[in-house]
Amino acid sequence: MTATATEKDFAPIQSDYEFFVAHATEAEADLAIYQDWLREIQPGPGPVRILDFGCGPGTFTEQFLDRAGWRSGEVELALVEPVDDYRRAAQERLQGRSASPVRAWSQLPNDLAEPFDLVLSNHAFYYVPALREELTRIVRTLKPGGSFLAAIAGKENVLIQIWMQAFAWLGRPIPYHTAEDFEDALLAFSFPFCRKDVRYTLAFPDSDVNRWKILHFLLGEHLEQIPRSTALGFLEPYAVDHRIEMNAKHFQYRVRRSQGTP
């Protein structure tokens, strides 16, 4: 079981996250599947109102908009990102992509005046406190018929399995959410949804330094509580010809707000 509330300090692991992004095909795989979803979404007249929940520095948001083919005059953007540096970077990066000033918050406001056509959350819900409450708030920010697109990995994902190994060694529950928690919340609130598999690879030259970068990205401050040799061994099953090669799978969800959603 994962914890019911969680948080992760991304400031100390930013360079490790960037190492992951540089050596994984995850972003490209996610963009391709999101593009499939977008073919099914028909926004109404006027600018498409989009919220990116957990946008990071905005690089993925920018790629998402490029793939969607929406020009700046066709989109109104809002962002939620708790990391101050990331939020400022995203707001600056994306300002030219929005028909109106990009609104950016550290958390989702309670007093939104207008609903969204589309909410995107790409691999953010692992670390969202009070997952069920936040998920409900997001769905309620949608227009009737609006869509929420989210990516999150479950327990069969090889990186999540490293979480499982690490926290089992520490003798404590995983302090982050997984796709199982996310899907349980959708079912609990009877939100209609569809799910697709997303497959990608993570591959990089094998060295203790590189292994530690991935482990630090995954485990943050918890990594220092595990003996170095034990932690490095979590990646040994994926060592092939002086490289680490991991084939991973996660899920994307499309959640729709029906006319009857309160």
Protein backbone atom coordinates (compact mmCIF):
# COMPACT_ATOMS: atom_id res chain seq x y z
CA MET A 1 0.00 0.00 0.00
CA THR A 2 1.18 3.51 -0.70
CA ALA A 3 0.74 6.39 1.70
CA THR A 4 -2.41 8.51 1.50
CA ALA A 5 -0.50 11.77 1.30
CA THR A 6 2.93 12.45 -0.11
CA GLU A 7 5.35 15.09 -1.26
CA LYS A 8 8.78 15.19 -2.86
CA ASP A 9 11.38 17.95 -2.85
CA PHE A 10 12.52 18.27 -6.46
CA ALA A 11 15.13 20.97 -5.92
CA PRO A 12 17.95 18.57 -4.88
CA ILE A 13 17.24 16.13 -7.73
CA GLN A 14 16.80 18.48 -10.68
CA SER A 15 20.06 17.43 -12.36
CA ASP A 16 19.22 13.76 -11.78
CA TYR A 17 15.79 14.28 -13.33
CA GLU A 18 17.43 15.93 -16.33
CA PHE A 19 19.73 12.88 -16.66
CA PHE A 20 16.63 10.65 -16.72
CA VAL A 21 14.94 12.81 -19.37
CA ALA A 22 18.07 12.78 -21.54
CA HIS A 23 18.33 8.98 -21.50
CA ALA A 24 14.68 7.90 -21.58
CA THR A 25 12.24 7.78 -24.49
CA GLU A 26 9.38 8.39 -22.06
CA ALA A 27 8.52 11.92 -23.21
CA GLU A 28 8.37 10.96 -26.88
CA ALA A 29 6.23 7.93 -26.09
CA ASP A 30 3.85 10.02 -23.99
CA LEU A 31 3.54 12.70 -26.65
CA ALA A 32 2.57 10.12 -29.27
CA ILE A 33 -0.23 8.69 -27.11
CA TYR A 34 -1.47 12.13 -26.06
CA GLN A 35 -1.72 12.98 -29.75
CA ASP A 36 -3.98 9.95 -30.19
CA TRP A 37 -6.24 11.21 -27.40
CA LEU A 38 -6.34 14.71 -28.90
CA ARG A 39 -7.76 13.35 -32.15
CA GLU A 40 -10.84 12.38 -30.14
CA ILE A 41 -11.22 15.73 -28.37
CA GLN A 42 -13.28 18.46 -30.03
CA PRO A 43 -13.02 21.75 -28.08
CA GLY A 44 -15.76 24.31 -28.56
CA PRO A 45 -15.40 27.68 -30.32
CA GLY A 46 -12.82 30.19 -29.12
CA PRO A 47 -9.43 29.56 -27.52
CA VAL A 48 -8.87 26.14 -25.98
CA ARG A 49 -8.53 26.64 -22.22
CA ILE A 50 -5.77 24.34 -20.94
CA LEU A 51 -4.40 23.68 -17.46
CA ASP A 52 -1.11 21.82 -17.03
CA PHE A 53 -1.09 20.42 -13.49
CA GLY A 54 2.50 19.76 -12.38
CA CYS A 55 4.07 21.39 -15.43
CA GLY A 56 7.69 21.41 -14.23
CA PRO A 57 9.79 23.89 -16.24
CA GLY A 58 7.29 23.82 -19.11
CA THR A 59 9.42 21.91 -21.62
CA PHE A 60 6.95 19.06 -21.94
CA THR A 61 4.01 21.50 -22.10
CA GLU A 62 5.70 23.22 -25.01
CA GLN A 63 6.21 19.92 -26.83
CA PHE A 64 2.60 18.96 -26.14
CA LEU A 65 1.33 22.19 -27.72
CA ASP A 66 3.62 21.68 -30.72
CA ARG A 67 2.21 18.19 -31.30
CA ALA A 68 -1.36 19.43 -30.88
CA GLY A 69 -0.75 22.04 -33.59
CA TRP A 70 -2.45 24.83 -31.65
CA ARG A 71 -1.14 28.32 -32.38
CA SER A 72 -0.75 30.92 -29.63
CA GLY A 73 -4.01 32.67 -30.49
CA GLU A 74 -5.91 29.40 -30.16
CA VAL A 75 -4.88 28.58 -26.58
CA GLU A 76 -5.30 30.07 -23.11
CA LEU A 77 -2.84 28.51 -20.66
CA ALA A 78 -2.82 28.05 -16.90
CA LEU A 79 -0.18 26.21 -14.89
CA VAL A 80 0.12 24.56 -11.49
CA GLU A 81 3.65 23.85 -10.26
CA PRO A 82 4.75 23.82 -6.60
CA VAL A 83 8.49 24.27 -7.33
CA ASP A 84 9.06 28.03 -7.59
CA ASP A 85 11.98 27.90 -10.04
CA TYR A 86 10.14 25.51 -12.33
CA ARG A 87 6.94 27.56 -12.21
CA ARG A 88 8.72 30.80 -13.12
CA ALA A 89 10.63 29.07 -15.93
CA ALA A 90 7.43 27.53 -17.32
CA GLN A 91 5.54 30.81 -17.21
CA GLU A 92 8.32 32.59 -19.08
CA ARG A 93 8.81 29.75 -21.59
CA LEU A 94 5.11 29.48 -22.44
CA GLN A 95 3.98 33.11 -22.43
CA GLY A 96 4.28 33.37 -26.19
CA ARG A 97 2.10 30.28 -26.62
CA SER A 98 -1.03 31.74 -25.01
CA ALA A 99 -3.65 34.17 -26.29
CA SER A 100 -3.76 35.78 -22.82
CA PRO A 101 -1.24 36.09 -19.97
CA VAL A 102 -0.26 32.67 -18.63
CA ARG A 103 -1.63 32.19 -15.13
CA ALA A 104 0.58 30.14 -12.81
CA TRP A 105 -0.03 28.93 -9.27
CA SER A 106 1.74 26.76 -6.71
CA GLN A 107 -1.55 24.93 -6.13
CA LEU A 108 -4.94 24.82 -7.81
CA PRO A 109 -7.07 27.80 -6.67
CA ASN A 110 -10.54 27.27 -5.25
CA ASP A 111 -12.09 30.27 -6.99
CA LEU A 112 -11.55 29.65 -10.70
CA ALA A 113 -13.98 31.77 -12.68
CA GLU A 114 -13.97 29.75 -15.92
CA PRO A 115 -13.70 26.00 -16.48
CA PHE A 116 -11.11 24.29 -18.69
CA ASP A 117 -11.52 22.37 -21.93
CA LEU A 118 -8.48 20.24 -21.14
CA VAL A 119 -6.32 19.45 -18.11
CA LEU A 120 -2.95 17.74 -18.56
CA SER A 121 -0.94 16.10 -15.78
CA ASN A 122 2.14 14.28 -17.02
CA HIS A 123 3.68 12.08 -14.30
CA ALA A 124 2.80 14.47 -11.47
CA PHE A 125 0.32 12.46 -9.43
CA TYR A 126 2.96 10.29 -7.76
CA TYR A 127 3.68 13.21 -5.45
CA VAL A 128 0.28 14.92 -5.01
CA PRO A 129 -0.89 15.11 -1.38
CA ALA A 130 -4.50 14.03 -0.81
CA LEU A 131 -4.75 12.39 -4.23
CA ARG A 132 -8.50 11.77 -4.18
CA GLU A 133 -9.39 15.30 -3.16
CA GLU A 134 -7.07 16.85 -5.76
CA LEU A 135 -8.32 14.56 -8.49
CA THR A 136 -11.92 15.52 -7.72
CA ARG A 137 -11.04 19.23 -7.81
CA ILE A 138 -9.36 18.81 -11.20
CA VAL A 139 -12.32 17.03 -12.76
CA ARG A 140 -14.64 19.74 -11.42
CA THR A 141 -12.56 22.44 -13.13
CA LEU A 142 -13.48 20.92 -16.51
CA LYS A 143 -16.31 22.06 -18.72
CA PRO A 144 -19.00 19.42 -19.22
CA GLY A 145 -17.50 17.13 -21.84
CA GLY A 146 -13.99 18.39 -21.07
CA SER A 147 -11.07 15.98 -20.74
CA PHE A 148 -8.35 15.31 -18.19
CA LEU A 149 -5.28 13.54 -19.61
CA ALA A 150 -2.84 12.04 -17.11
CA ALA A 151 0.19 9.74 -17.19
CA ILE A 152 1.28 7.65 -14.21
CA ALA A 153 3.08 4.33 -13.75
CA GLY A 154 1.87 1.32 -11.82
CA LYS A 155 3.59 -1.41 -9.86
CA GLU A 156 4.60 -3.42 -12.93
CA ASN A 157 6.80 -0.53 -14.09
CA VAL A 158 10.49 -1.35 -13.52
CA LEU A 159 11.20 2.01 -11.86
CA ILE A 160 8.25 1.62 -9.49
CA GLN A 161 9.66 -1.83 -8.66
CA ILE A 162 12.85 -0.10 -7.49
CA TRP A 163 10.67 1.98 -5.16
CA MET A 164 9.17 -1.27 -3.91
CA GLN A 165 12.59 -2.82 -3.30
CA ALA A 166 14.00 0.25 -1.64
CA PHE A 167 11.13 0.93 0.74
CA ALA A 168 10.79 -2.77 1.57
CA TRP A 169 14.47 -2.69 2.58
CA LEU A 170 13.74 0.40 4.69
CA GLY A 171 10.76 -1.35 6.24
CA ARG A 172 8.21 1.32 5.39
CA PRO A 173 5.42 1.83 2.85
CA ILE A 174 6.09 3.59 -0.42
CA PRO A 175 5.44 7.30 0.32
CA TYR A 176 4.29 8.01 -3.24
CA HIS A 177 1.21 7.16 -5.29
CA THR A 178 1.03 4.74 -8.22
CA ALA A 179 -1.42 4.11 -11.04
CA GLU A 180 -3.28 1.70 -8.78
CA ASP A 181 -4.07 4.52 -6.35
CA PHE A 182 -5.01 6.85 -9.20
CA GLU A 183 -7.36 4.31 -10.76
CA ASP A 184 -8.92 3.40 -7.41
CA ALA A 185 -9.80 7.08 -6.94
CA LEU A 186 -11.39 7.29 -10.38
CA LEU A 187 -13.49 4.22 -9.64
CA ALA A 188 -14.46 5.50 -6.18
CA PHE A 189 -15.92 8.68 -7.68
CA SER A 190 -17.38 6.91 -10.73
CA PHE A 191 -15.50 9.21 -13.09
CA PRO A 192 -15.70 7.74 -16.62
CA PHE A 193 -12.25 7.01 -18.00
CA CYS A 194 -10.26 5.14 -20.64
CA ARG A 195 -6.68 3.86 -20.30
CA LYS A 196 -3.85 3.19 -22.73
CA ASP A 197 -0.46 1.53 -22.26
CA VAL A 198 2.68 3.58 -22.91
CA ARG A 199 5.99 1.77 -23.45
CA TYR A 200 9.43 3.36 -23.37
CA THR A 201 13.09 2.63 -22.66
CA LEU A 202 15.67 4.01 -20.26
CA ALA A 203 19.26 3.28 -21.31
CA PHE A 204 22.58 4.80 -20.29
CA PRO A 205 26.28 3.87 -19.89
CA ASP A 206 26.70 1.72 -16.81
CA SER A 207 28.71 3.29 -14.00
CA ASP A 208 28.23 3.79 -10.28
CA VAL A 209 27.85 7.53 -10.91
CA ASN A 210 25.09 7.05 -13.48
CA ARG A 211 23.31 4.42 -11.42
CA TRP A 212 23.35 6.81 -8.47
CA LYS A 213 21.80 9.59 -10.57
CA ILE A 214 18.81 7.42 -11.46
CA LEU A 215 18.48 6.15 -7.92
CA HIS A 216 18.64 9.67 -6.51
CA PHE A 217 15.99 10.80 -9.01
CA LEU A 218 13.75 7.94 -7.87
CA LEU A 219 14.38 7.98 -4.14
CA GLY A 220 15.54 11.50 -3.26
CA GLU A 221 16.49 11.93 0.38
CA HIS A 222 15.60 8.30 1.15
CA LEU A 223 18.56 7.05 -0.89
CA GLU A 224 21.13 8.05 1.74
CA GLN A 225 19.45 5.69 4.24
CA ILE A 226 20.32 2.64 2.11
CA PRO A 227 23.87 1.22 1.95
CA ARG A 228 25.48 2.30 -1.31
CA SER A 229 26.26 -1.23 -2.48
CA THR A 230 22.69 -2.35 -1.77
CA ALA A 231 21.19 0.57 -3.64
CA LEU A 232 23.47 0.20 -6.66
CA GLY A 233 22.49 -3.46 -6.77
CA PHE A 234 18.87 -2.54 -7.47
CA LEU A 235 19.97 -1.79 -11.06
CA GLU A 236 22.16 -4.87 -11.54
CA PRO A 237 19.42 -6.95 -13.27
CA TYR A 238 19.36 -4.38 -16.07
CA ALA A 239 23.12 -4.36 -16.79
CA VAL A 240 23.90 -5.43 -20.37
CA ASP A 241 27.28 -4.96 -22.08
CA HIS A 242 28.37 -2.03 -19.90
CA ARG A 243 24.99 -0.35 -20.20
CA ILE A 244 21.84 -0.20 -18.13
CA GLU A 245 18.84 -1.01 -20.32
CA MET A 246 15.31 -0.89 -18.89
CA ASN A 247 12.08 -1.50 -20.78
CA ALA A 248 9.25 0.21 -18.96
CA LYS A 249 5.50 0.62 -19.21
CA HIS A 250 3.08 3.09 -17.67
CA PHE A 251 -0.47 4.22 -18.34
CA GLN A 252 -2.24 7.24 -19.74
CA TYR A 253 -5.78 8.02 -18.68
CA ARG A 254 -8.46 10.10 -20.31
CA VAL A 255 -11.08 11.21 -17.79
CA ARG A 256 -14.16 13.01 -19.08
CA ARG A 257 -16.43 15.28 -17.13
CA SER A 258 -19.96 14.14 -17.85
CA GLN A 259 -22.96 16.43 -17.74
CA GLY A 260 -23.99 14.90 -14.41
CA THR A 261 -20.67 15.39 -12.57
CA PRO A 262 -21.37 17.70 -9.59
